[in-house]
Amino acid sequence: MPVRPMLRMASQTRPPAIAGLALAAVLAGGCRRPAGASLTLAGSTSVQPFAEKWAEAFRETHPGVTLQVQGGGSTAGVQAAESGAAQLGMASRSLKRDEAAVLRGIVVARDGIAVVVHTSNAVSDLSLAQVRALYAGDAANWRDVGGADERVTAITREEGSGTRGAFEELVMGKRHIAASALVQDSTGAVRQMVSADPGATGYISLGLVDPTVKALRLGGVDATEQAIDEGGYPLVRPFLFVSKGEPSGAAKAFTDWVTGPEGHALTRREGLLPPKTER
């Protein structure tokens, strides 16, 4: 907390006892509110909008902490945590073995990956094999998967994106996303492109699905929080805070808040699920 301006010779204008009590109150107030702490989070653009919501709510009860939330992708978030550029990285995938050897990943939420299409698309339900075919280039027309005679525009995330990494692991397996797929560098950009192209499909955080796009059922299971909670929805990935060692100071206070009752309640309101350890 910045040092307050020197009290203007209080002992000359007040009785000494009162002046002493006033100074003690100032010092005690400073002890209760350790202002000036700062915290930087960087990484996953899927985690970013939720981290901004958490930060906004956290500031209400911790006004002395300055929080900055930046994007850049999951890999960038891991690197920022390792280098010290950010006290907390954000990742929308599990840590790789070499990353986990030097960093700690703290699960702060669970998220479904929704496969989305234009709202006019007649297709409502696909198997994972059919989604894989769309992205591998095996199905280049929607009629190949039971839809209209419309060219498929597959939209994917960039290399290093946690969302892409989770999608490749959970959907693509050993297949590669076709080189013809259009690459976008954020969830918002994917959603916008799908909303503007009747032949488009993309994959985004379930918590960021809105009325501009349609989320497909996968294997007959709706993309909903309930389906994720019950274990029926197949595309689920962790949202992590990443730190170099045990979080401390403002990073620990924020992490504890996000993974505590208040954070869990906000997480659910924003369309994500808390970690399974909540139960």
C-alpha atoms as a PDB file:
ATOM      1  CA  MET A   1       0.000   0.000   0.000  1.00  0.00           C
ATOM      2  CA  PRO A   2       1.497   3.408  -0.928  1.00  0.00           C
ATOM      3  CA  VAL A   3       2.630   5.389   2.109  1.00  0.00           C
ATOM      4  CA  ARG A   4       0.085   8.030   2.991  1.00  0.00           C
ATOM      5  CA  PRO A   5       1.193  11.684   3.203  1.00  0.00           C
ATOM      6  CA  MET A   6       2.691  12.564   6.575  1.00  0.00           C
ATOM      7  CA  LEU A   7       0.128  13.561   9.170  1.00  0.00           C
ATOM      8  CA  ARG A   8       0.251  17.336   9.540  1.00  0.00           C
ATOM      9  CA  MET A   9       1.715  17.817  13.041  1.00  0.00           C
ATOM     10  CA  ALA A  10      -1.276  16.170  14.691  1.00  0.00           C
ATOM     11  CA  SER A  11       0.298  16.534  18.137  1.00  0.00           C
ATOM     12  CA  GLN A  12       0.088  20.325  17.820  1.00  0.00           C
ATOM     13  CA  THR A  13      -3.654  20.383  17.072  1.00  0.00           C
ATOM     14  CA  ARG A  14      -4.907  17.436  19.149  1.00  0.00           C
ATOM     15  CA  PRO A  15      -4.173  16.100  22.622  1.00  0.00           C
ATOM     16  CA  PRO A  16      -1.221  13.659  22.489  1.00  0.00           C
ATOM     17  CA  ALA A  17      -3.381  10.645  23.393  1.00  0.00           C
ATOM     18  CA  ILE A  18      -5.853  11.333  20.591  1.00  0.00           C
ATOM     19  CA  ALA A  19      -3.030  11.900  18.118  1.00  0.00           C
ATOM     20  CA  GLY A  20      -1.489   8.576  19.093  1.00  0.00           C
ATOM     21  CA  LEU A  21      -4.794   6.765  18.626  1.00  0.00           C
ATOM     22  CA  ALA A  22      -5.276   8.336  15.187  1.00  0.00           C
ATOM     23  CA  LEU A  23      -1.812   7.256  14.037  1.00  0.00           C
ATOM     24  CA  ALA A  24      -2.380   3.742  15.382  1.00  0.00           C
ATOM     25  CA  ALA A  25      -5.625   3.522  13.425  1.00  0.00           C
ATOM     26  CA  VAL A  26      -3.840   4.497  10.204  1.00  0.00           C
ATOM     27  CA  LEU A  27      -1.136   1.896  10.756  1.00  0.00           C
ATOM     28  CA  ALA A  28      -3.650  -0.788  11.710  1.00  0.00           C
ATOM     29  CA  GLY A  29      -5.668  -0.050   8.589  1.00  0.00           C
ATOM     30  CA  GLY A  30      -2.546  -0.496   6.508  1.00  0.00           C
ATOM     31  CA  CYS A  31      -1.932  -3.891   8.083  1.00  0.00           C
ATOM     32  CA  ARG A  32      -5.448  -5.081   7.318  1.00  0.00           C
ATOM     33  CA  ARG A  33      -5.322  -4.074   3.632  1.00  0.00           C
ATOM     34  CA  PRO A  34      -1.958  -4.948   2.051  1.00  0.00           C
ATOM     35  CA  ALA A  35      -2.613  -2.948  -1.113  1.00  0.00           C
ATOM     36  CA  GLY A  36      -0.253  -2.803  -4.034  1.00  0.00           C
ATOM     37  CA  ALA A  37      -0.144  -6.555  -4.782  1.00  0.00           C
ATOM     38  CA  SER A  38      -0.285  -7.350  -8.493  1.00  0.00           C
ATOM     39  CA  LEU A  39      -1.036 -10.543 -10.384  1.00  0.00           C
ATOM     40  CA  THR A  40      -0.673 -11.348 -14.067  1.00  0.00           C
ATOM     41  CA  LEU A  41      -2.389 -14.301 -15.763  1.00  0.00           C
ATOM     42  CA  ALA A  42      -1.591 -15.209 -19.356  1.00  0.00           C
ATOM     43  CA  GLY A  43      -2.435 -17.998 -21.768  1.00  0.00           C
ATOM     44  CA  SER A  44      -5.475 -19.827 -23.104  1.00  0.00           C
ATOM     45  CA  THR A  45      -7.997 -17.674 -24.952  1.00  0.00           C
ATOM     46  CA  SER A  46     -10.649 -20.197 -23.905  1.00  0.00           C
ATOM     47  CA  VAL A  47      -9.876 -19.688 -20.212  1.00  0.00           C
ATOM     48  CA  GLN A  48      -9.348 -15.929 -20.614  1.00  0.00           C
ATOM     49  CA  PRO A  49     -12.999 -14.733 -20.618  1.00  0.00           C
ATOM     50  CA  PHE A  50     -13.775 -16.831 -17.556  1.00  0.00           C
ATOM     51  CA  ALA A  51     -10.617 -15.647 -15.789  1.00  0.00           C
ATOM     52  CA  GLU A  52     -11.735 -12.080 -16.452  1.00  0.00           C
ATOM     53  CA  LYS A  53     -15.078 -12.844 -14.772  1.00  0.00           C
ATOM     54  CA  TRP A  54     -13.318 -14.450 -11.802  1.00  0.00           C
ATOM     55  CA  ALA A  55     -10.956 -11.482 -11.550  1.00  0.00           C
ATOM     56  CA  GLU A  56     -13.825  -8.984 -11.633  1.00  0.00           C
ATOM     57  CA  ALA A  57     -15.598 -10.739  -8.752  1.00  0.00           C
ATOM     58  CA  PHE A  58     -12.343 -11.259  -6.804  1.00  0.00           C
ATOM     59  CA  ARG A  59     -11.562  -7.525  -6.912  1.00  0.00           C
ATOM     60  CA  GLU A  60     -14.785  -6.763  -5.048  1.00  0.00           C
ATOM     61  CA  THR A  61     -13.428  -8.361  -1.877  1.00  0.00           C
ATOM     62  CA  HIS A  62      -9.721  -7.768  -2.601  1.00  0.00           C
ATOM     63  CA  PRO A  63      -9.573  -4.142  -3.787  1.00  0.00           C
ATOM     64  CA  GLY A  64      -5.856  -3.857  -3.110  1.00  0.00           C
ATOM     65  CA  VAL A  65      -4.906  -6.488  -5.705  1.00  0.00           C
ATOM     66  CA  THR A  66      -4.297  -5.475  -9.318  1.00  0.00           C
ATOM     67  CA  LEU A  67      -5.048  -8.280 -11.790  1.00  0.00           C
ATOM     68  CA  GLN A  68      -4.141  -8.405 -15.466  1.00  0.00           C
ATOM     69  CA  VAL A  69      -5.531 -11.183 -17.675  1.00  0.00           C
ATOM     70  CA  GLN A  70      -3.924 -11.729 -21.084  1.00  0.00           C
ATOM     71  CA  GLY A  71      -4.441 -14.245 -23.903  1.00  0.00           C
ATOM     72  CA  GLY A  72      -1.868 -15.845 -26.182  1.00  0.00           C
ATOM     73  CA  GLY A  73      -2.788 -19.541 -26.109  1.00  0.00           C
ATOM     74  CA  SER A  74      -2.146 -22.423 -23.721  1.00  0.00           C
ATOM     75  CA  THR A  75       1.456 -23.048 -24.775  1.00  0.00           C
ATOM     76  CA  ALA A  76       2.230 -19.355 -24.339  1.00  0.00           C
ATOM     77  CA  GLY A  77       0.647 -19.516 -20.891  1.00  0.00           C
ATOM     78  CA  VAL A  78       2.809 -22.471 -19.890  1.00  0.00           C
ATOM     79  CA  GLN A  79       5.900 -20.656 -21.132  1.00  0.00           C
ATOM     80  CA  ALA A  80       4.913 -17.459 -19.297  1.00  0.00           C
ATOM     81  CA  ALA A  81       4.580 -19.354 -16.024  1.00  0.00           C
ATOM     82  CA  GLU A  82       7.916 -21.101 -16.520  1.00  0.00           C
ATOM     83  CA  SER A  83       9.770 -17.896 -17.389  1.00  0.00           C
ATOM     84  CA  GLY A  84       8.128 -15.845 -14.664  1.00  0.00           C
ATOM     85  CA  ALA A  85       6.498 -13.442 -17.133  1.00  0.00           C
ATOM     86  CA  ALA A  86       3.196 -14.330 -15.433  1.00  0.00           C
ATOM     87  CA  GLN A  87       2.609 -15.610 -11.932  1.00  0.00           C
ATOM     88  CA  LEU A  88      -0.154 -17.840 -13.289  1.00  0.00           C
ATOM     89  CA  GLY A  89      -0.381 -19.331 -16.751  1.00  0.00           C
ATOM     90  CA  MET A  90      -3.729 -20.454 -18.157  1.00  0.00           C
ATOM     91  CA  ALA A  91      -4.112 -23.681 -20.122  1.00  0.00           C
ATOM     92  CA  SER A  92      -7.128 -25.432 -21.595  1.00  0.00           C
ATOM     93  CA  ARG A  93      -5.368 -28.785 -21.768  1.00  0.00           C
ATOM     94  CA  SER A  94      -3.458 -31.093 -19.461  1.00  0.00           C
ATOM     95  CA  LEU A  95       0.234 -30.412 -19.015  1.00  0.00           C
ATOM     96  CA  LYS A  96       2.604 -32.449 -21.149  1.00  0.00           C
ATOM     97  CA  ARG A  97       5.044 -34.737 -19.364  1.00  0.00           C
ATOM     98  CA  ASP A  98       8.018 -32.395 -19.732  1.00  0.00           C
ATOM     99  CA  GLU A  99       5.924 -29.419 -18.606  1.00  0.00           C
ATOM    100  CA  ALA A 100       4.577 -31.283 -15.577  1.00  0.00           C
ATOM    101  CA  ALA A 101       8.153 -32.051 -14.531  1.00  0.00           C
ATOM    102  CA  VAL A 102       8.834 -28.373 -13.803  1.00  0.00           C
ATOM    103  CA  LEU A 103       5.402 -26.799 -13.393  1.00  0.00           C
ATOM    104  CA  ARG A 104       2.280 -27.355 -11.362  1.00  0.00           C
ATOM    105  CA  GLY A 105      -1.112 -27.536 -13.059  1.00  0.00           C
ATOM    106  CA  ILE A 106      -4.099 -26.667 -10.876  1.00  0.00           C
ATOM    107  CA  VAL A 107      -7.498 -27.677 -12.272  1.00  0.00           C
ATOM    108  CA  VAL A 108      -9.844 -24.724 -11.737  1.00  0.00           C
ATOM    109  CA  ALA A 109     -12.733 -25.855 -13.956  1.00  0.00           C
ATOM    110  CA  ARG A 110     -13.931 -28.440 -16.444  1.00  0.00           C
ATOM    111  CA  ASP A 111     -15.160 -27.502 -19.885  1.00  0.00           C
ATOM    112  CA  GLY A 112     -16.862 -29.277 -22.740  1.00  0.00           C
ATOM    113  CA  ILE A 113     -15.726 -28.706 -26.309  1.00  0.00           C
ATOM    114  CA  ALA A 114     -18.772 -28.030 -28.449  1.00  0.00           C
ATOM    115  CA  VAL A 115     -18.765 -28.821 -32.165  1.00  0.00           C
ATOM    116  CA  VAL A 116     -20.739 -25.951 -33.656  1.00  0.00           C
ATOM    117  CA  VAL A 117     -22.354 -25.273 -37.035  1.00  0.00           C
ATOM    118  CA  HIS A 118     -24.355 -22.494 -38.649  1.00  0.00           C
ATOM    119  CA  THR A 119     -27.866 -22.141 -37.224  1.00  0.00           C
ATOM    120  CA  SER A 120     -29.370 -23.028 -40.635  1.00  0.00           C
ATOM    121  CA  ASN A 121     -27.531 -26.367 -40.842  1.00  0.00           C
ATOM    122  CA  ALA A 122     -29.988 -29.266 -40.779  1.00  0.00           C
ATOM    123  CA  VAL A 123     -27.432 -31.596 -39.165  1.00  0.00           C
ATOM    124  CA  SER A 124     -27.987 -31.885 -35.424  1.00  0.00           C
ATOM    125  CA  ASP A 125     -26.227 -35.085 -34.357  1.00  0.00           C
ATOM    126  CA  LEU A 126     -22.910 -36.609 -35.428  1.00  0.00           C
ATOM    127  CA  SER A 127     -20.705 -39.410 -34.217  1.00  0.00           C
ATOM    128  CA  LEU A 128     -17.091 -38.683 -33.328  1.00  0.00           C
ATOM    129  CA  ALA A 129     -16.100 -40.625 -36.456  1.00  0.00           C
ATOM    130  CA  GLN A 130     -18.177 -38.263 -38.599  1.00  0.00           C
ATOM    131  CA  VAL A 131     -16.653 -35.192 -36.935  1.00  0.00           C
ATOM    132  CA  ARG A 132     -13.229 -36.695 -37.570  1.00  0.00           C
ATOM    133  CA  ALA A 133     -14.146 -37.188 -41.232  1.00  0.00           C
ATOM    134  CA  LEU A 134     -15.161 -33.529 -41.548  1.00  0.00           C
ATOM    135  CA  TYR A 135     -11.825 -32.360 -40.175  1.00  0.00           C
ATOM    136  CA  ALA A 136      -9.634 -34.937 -41.901  1.00  0.00           C
ATOM    137  CA  GLY A 137     -11.146 -33.956 -45.260  1.00  0.00           C
ATOM    138  CA  ASP A 138     -12.801 -37.336 -45.836  1.00  0.00           C
ATOM    139  CA  ALA A 139     -16.233 -35.674 -45.793  1.00  0.00           C
ATOM    140  CA  ALA A 140     -16.007 -32.531 -47.895  1.00  0.00           C
ATOM    141  CA  ASN A 141     -19.755 -32.055 -48.334  1.00  0.00           C
ATOM    142  CA  TRP A 142     -22.460 -32.011 -45.670  1.00  0.00           C
ATOM    143  CA  ARG A 143     -24.456 -34.605 -47.595  1.00  0.00           C
ATOM    144  CA  ASP A 144     -21.651 -37.071 -46.689  1.00  0.00           C
ATOM    145  CA  VAL A 145     -22.878 -36.913 -43.092  1.00  0.00           C
ATOM    146  CA  GLY A 146     -26.609 -36.662 -43.738  1.00  0.00           C
ATOM    147  CA  GLY A 147     -26.899 -32.955 -44.411  1.00  0.00           C
ATOM    148  CA  ALA A 148     -27.656 -30.732 -47.389  1.00  0.00           C
ATOM    149  CA  ASP A 149     -25.576 -30.442 -50.556  1.00  0.00           C
ATOM    150  CA  GLU A 150     -23.221 -27.832 -49.115  1.00  0.00           C
ATOM    151  CA  ARG A 151     -19.433 -27.661 -49.095  1.00  0.00           C
ATOM    152  CA  VAL A 152     -17.899 -28.126 -45.639  1.00  0.00           C
ATOM    153  CA  THR A 153     -15.769 -25.294 -44.312  1.00  0.00           C
ATOM    154  CA  ALA A 154     -13.797 -26.728 -41.398  1.00  0.00           C
ATOM    155  CA  ILE A 155     -12.458 -24.098 -39.026  1.00  0.00           C
ATOM    156  CA  THR A 156      -9.738 -24.978 -36.532  1.00  0.00           C
ATOM    157  CA  ARG A 157      -7.561 -23.304 -33.942  1.00  0.00           C
ATOM    158  CA  GLU A 158      -3.875 -22.538 -34.333  1.00  0.00           C
ATOM    159  CA  GLU A 159      -1.008 -24.825 -33.314  1.00  0.00           C
ATOM    160  CA  GLY A 160      -0.293 -24.374 -29.606  1.00  0.00           C
ATOM    161  CA  SER A 161      -3.952 -23.772 -28.763  1.00  0.00           C
ATOM    162  CA  GLY A 162      -5.119 -25.878 -25.838  1.00  0.00           C
ATOM    163  CA  THR A 163      -8.527 -26.246 -27.450  1.00  0.00           C
ATOM    164  CA  ARG A 164      -6.942 -27.616 -30.607  1.00  0.00           C
ATOM    165  CA  GLY A 165      -4.717 -29.959 -28.602  1.00  0.00           C
ATOM    166  CA  ALA A 166      -7.702 -31.355 -26.717  1.00  0.00           C
ATOM    167  CA  PHE A 167      -9.735 -31.685 -29.947  1.00  0.00           C
ATOM    168  CA  GLU A 168      -6.905 -33.540 -31.679  1.00  0.00           C
ATOM    169  CA  GLU A 169      -6.529 -35.900 -28.727  1.00  0.00           C
ATOM    170  CA  LEU A 170     -10.241 -36.556 -28.168  1.00  0.00           C
ATOM    171  CA  VAL A 171     -11.507 -36.541 -31.773  1.00  0.00           C
ATOM    172  CA  MET A 172      -8.723 -36.878 -34.322  1.00  0.00           C
ATOM    173  CA  GLY A 173      -6.638 -39.590 -32.692  1.00  0.00           C
ATOM    174  CA  LYS A 174      -3.876 -40.453 -35.172  1.00  0.00           C
ATOM    175  CA  ARG A 175      -5.514 -38.511 -38.008  1.00  0.00           C
ATOM    176  CA  HIS A 176      -4.371 -35.005 -38.910  1.00  0.00           C
ATOM    177  CA  ILE A 177      -6.577 -31.993 -39.425  1.00  0.00           C
ATOM    178  CA  ALA A 178      -6.660 -31.309 -43.167  1.00  0.00           C
ATOM    179  CA  ALA A 179      -4.449 -28.537 -44.504  1.00  0.00           C
ATOM    180  CA  SER A 180      -7.558 -27.040 -46.123  1.00  0.00           C
ATOM    181  CA  ALA A 181      -9.033 -26.190 -42.695  1.00  0.00           C
ATOM    182  CA  LEU A 182      -9.144 -22.470 -41.960  1.00  0.00           C
ATOM    183  CA  VAL A 183      -7.081 -21.472 -38.921  1.00  0.00           C
ATOM    184  CA  GLN A 184      -8.250 -18.909 -36.365  1.00  0.00           C
ATOM    185  CA  ASP A 185      -6.399 -17.729 -33.273  1.00  0.00           C
ATOM    186  CA  SER A 186      -9.250 -17.397 -30.789  1.00  0.00           C
ATOM    187  CA  THR A 187     -12.525 -18.981 -29.762  1.00  0.00           C
ATOM    188  CA  GLY A 188     -14.355 -15.761 -30.595  1.00  0.00           C
ATOM    189  CA  ALA A 189     -12.992 -15.743 -34.133  1.00  0.00           C
ATOM    190  CA  VAL A 190     -14.058 -19.377 -34.699  1.00  0.00           C
ATOM    191  CA  ARG A 191     -17.565 -18.660 -33.448  1.00  0.00           C
ATOM    192  CA  GLN A 192     -17.859 -15.560 -35.626  1.00  0.00           C
ATOM    193  CA  MET A 193     -16.771 -17.397 -38.783  1.00  0.00           C
ATOM    194  CA  VAL A 194     -19.191 -20.270 -38.160  1.00  0.00           C
ATOM    195  CA  SER A 195     -22.047 -17.833 -37.561  1.00  0.00           C
ATOM    196  CA  ALA A 196     -21.390 -16.196 -40.939  1.00  0.00           C
ATOM    197  CA  ASP A 197     -20.930 -19.299 -43.147  1.00  0.00           C
ATOM    198  CA  PRO A 198     -23.786 -21.833 -43.698  1.00  0.00           C
ATOM    199  CA  GLY A 199     -21.259 -24.540 -44.559  1.00  0.00           C
ATOM    200  CA  ALA A 200     -18.913 -23.957 -41.630  1.00  0.00           C
ATOM    201  CA  THR A 201     -18.142 -26.070 -38.586  1.00  0.00           C
ATOM    202  CA  GLY A 202     -15.867 -25.262 -35.683  1.00  0.00           C
ATOM    203  CA  TYR A 203     -15.120 -26.301 -32.129  1.00  0.00           C
ATOM    204  CA  ILE A 204     -15.268 -23.957 -29.149  1.00  0.00           C
ATOM    205  CA  SER A 205     -15.625 -23.938 -25.393  1.00  0.00           C
ATOM    206  CA  LEU A 206     -19.121 -25.072 -24.403  1.00  0.00           C
ATOM    207  CA  GLY A 207     -19.303 -22.143 -22.028  1.00  0.00           C
ATOM    208  CA  LEU A 208     -18.964 -19.732 -24.969  1.00  0.00           C
ATOM    209  CA  VAL A 209     -21.724 -21.177 -27.151  1.00  0.00           C
ATOM    210  CA  ASP A 210     -24.336 -18.508 -27.847  1.00  0.00           C
ATOM    211  CA  PRO A 211     -27.422 -18.163 -30.105  1.00  0.00           C
ATOM    212  CA  THR A 212     -25.295 -17.213 -33.131  1.00  0.00           C
ATOM    213  CA  VAL A 213     -24.216 -20.863 -33.590  1.00  0.00           C
ATOM    214  CA  LYS A 214     -25.695 -24.331 -33.043  1.00  0.00           C
ATOM    215  CA  ALA A 215     -23.971 -26.942 -30.884  1.00  0.00           C
ATOM    216  CA  LEU A 216     -24.278 -30.489 -32.254  1.00  0.00           C
ATOM    217  CA  ARG A 217     -25.223 -33.555 -30.257  1.00  0.00           C
ATOM    218  CA  LEU A 218     -22.416 -36.105 -30.279  1.00  0.00           C
ATOM    219  CA  GLY A 219     -23.464 -39.727 -30.375  1.00  0.00           C
ATOM    220  CA  GLY A 220     -26.953 -38.676 -29.326  1.00  0.00           C
ATOM    221  CA  VAL A 221     -25.718 -36.739 -26.265  1.00  0.00           C
ATOM    222  CA  ASP A 222     -26.481 -33.039 -25.972  1.00  0.00           C
ATOM    223  CA  ALA A 223     -23.637 -30.645 -25.314  1.00  0.00           C
ATOM    224  CA  THR A 224     -24.789 -29.562 -21.849  1.00  0.00           C
ATOM    225  CA  GLU A 225     -23.357 -29.073 -18.383  1.00  0.00           C
ATOM    226  CA  GLN A 226     -25.561 -31.884 -17.087  1.00  0.00           C
ATOM    227  CA  ALA A 227     -24.238 -34.334 -19.693  1.00  0.00           C
ATOM    228  CA  ILE A 228     -20.673 -33.419 -18.752  1.00  0.00           C
ATOM    229  CA  ASP A 229     -21.396 -33.788 -15.046  1.00  0.00           C
ATOM    230  CA  GLU A 230     -22.960 -37.192 -15.623  1.00  0.00           C
ATOM    231  CA  GLY A 231     -20.035 -38.365 -17.757  1.00  0.00           C
ATOM    232  CA  GLY A 232     -22.029 -38.862 -20.962  1.00  0.00           C
ATOM    233  CA  TYR A 233     -20.600 -36.085 -23.112  1.00  0.00           C
ATOM    234  CA  PRO A 234     -17.346 -37.228 -24.769  1.00  0.00           C
ATOM    235  CA  LEU A 235     -15.438 -33.968 -25.275  1.00  0.00           C
ATOM    236  CA  VAL A 236     -14.357 -32.689 -21.870  1.00  0.00           C
ATOM    237  CA  ARG A 237     -11.059 -31.025 -20.982  1.00  0.00           C
ATOM    238  CA  PRO A 238      -9.587 -29.341 -17.901  1.00  0.00           C
ATOM    239  CA  PHE A 239      -9.016 -25.626 -17.435  1.00  0.00           C
ATOM    240  CA  LEU A 240      -5.773 -25.089 -15.547  1.00  0.00           C
ATOM    241  CA  PHE A 241      -3.862 -22.411 -13.728  1.00  0.00           C
ATOM    242  CA  VAL A 242      -0.168 -23.145 -14.181  1.00  0.00           C
ATOM    243  CA  SER A 243       2.472 -22.057 -11.683  1.00  0.00           C
ATOM    244  CA  LYS A 244       6.149 -22.563 -11.084  1.00  0.00           C
ATOM    245  CA  GLY A 245       6.012 -24.190  -7.700  1.00  0.00           C
ATOM    246  CA  GLU A 246       3.306 -23.605  -5.127  1.00  0.00           C
ATOM    247  CA  PRO A 247       1.411 -20.349  -5.755  1.00  0.00           C
ATOM    248  CA  SER A 248       2.092 -17.671  -3.161  1.00  0.00           C
ATOM    249  CA  GLY A 249       0.876 -14.191  -2.325  1.00  0.00           C
ATOM    250  CA  ALA A 250      -1.769 -12.806  -4.653  1.00  0.00           C
ATOM    251  CA  ALA A 251      -1.527 -15.880  -6.913  1.00  0.00           C
ATOM    252  CA  LYS A 252      -2.411 -18.175  -4.008  1.00  0.00           C
ATOM    253  CA  ALA A 253      -5.224 -15.904  -2.804  1.00  0.00           C
ATOM    254  CA  PHE A 254      -6.771 -15.788  -6.280  1.00  0.00           C
ATOM    255  CA  THR A 255      -6.380 -19.533  -6.901  1.00  0.00           C
ATOM    256  CA  ASP A 256      -7.904 -20.341  -3.507  1.00  0.00           C
ATOM    257  CA  TRP A 257     -10.848 -18.034  -4.270  1.00  0.00           C
ATOM    258  CA  VAL A 258     -11.490 -19.528  -7.737  1.00  0.00           C
ATOM    259  CA  THR A 259     -11.392 -23.075  -6.342  1.00  0.00           C
ATOM    260  CA  GLY A 260     -13.446 -22.160  -3.279  1.00  0.00           C
ATOM    261  CA  PRO A 261     -17.228 -21.892  -2.821  1.00  0.00           C
ATOM    262  CA  GLU A 262     -17.583 -18.391  -4.286  1.00  0.00           C
ATOM    263  CA  GLY A 263     -15.479 -19.258  -7.312  1.00  0.00           C
ATOM    264  CA  HIS A 264     -17.321 -22.528  -7.877  1.00  0.00           C
ATOM    265  CA  ALA A 265     -20.675 -20.760  -7.827  1.00  0.00           C
ATOM    266  CA  LEU A 266     -19.492 -18.229 -10.410  1.00  0.00           C
ATOM    267  CA  THR A 267     -17.912 -20.984 -12.511  1.00  0.00           C
ATOM    268  CA  ARG A 268     -21.280 -22.728 -12.776  1.00  0.00           C
ATOM    269  CA  ARG A 269     -23.111 -19.493 -13.549  1.00  0.00           C
ATOM    270  CA  GLU A 270     -20.714 -18.877 -16.432  1.00  0.00           C
ATOM    271  CA  GLY A 271     -21.355 -22.278 -18.024  1.00  0.00           C
ATOM    272  CA  LEU A 272     -18.397 -24.314 -16.756  1.00  0.00           C
ATOM    273  CA  LEU A 273     -18.174 -27.034 -14.137  1.00  0.00           C
ATOM    274  CA  PRO A 274     -15.932 -26.940 -11.052  1.00  0.00           C
ATOM    275  CA  PRO A 275     -13.250 -29.634 -10.653  1.00  0.00           C
ATOM    276  CA  LYS A 276     -14.529 -33.083  -9.682  1.00  0.00           C
ATOM    277  CA  THR A 277     -12.850 -32.652  -6.304  1.00  0.00           C
ATOM    278  CA  GLU A 278     -15.711 -30.296  -5.432  1.00  0.00           C
ATOM    279  CA  ARG A 279     -17.733 -33.342  -4.337  1.00  0.00           C
END
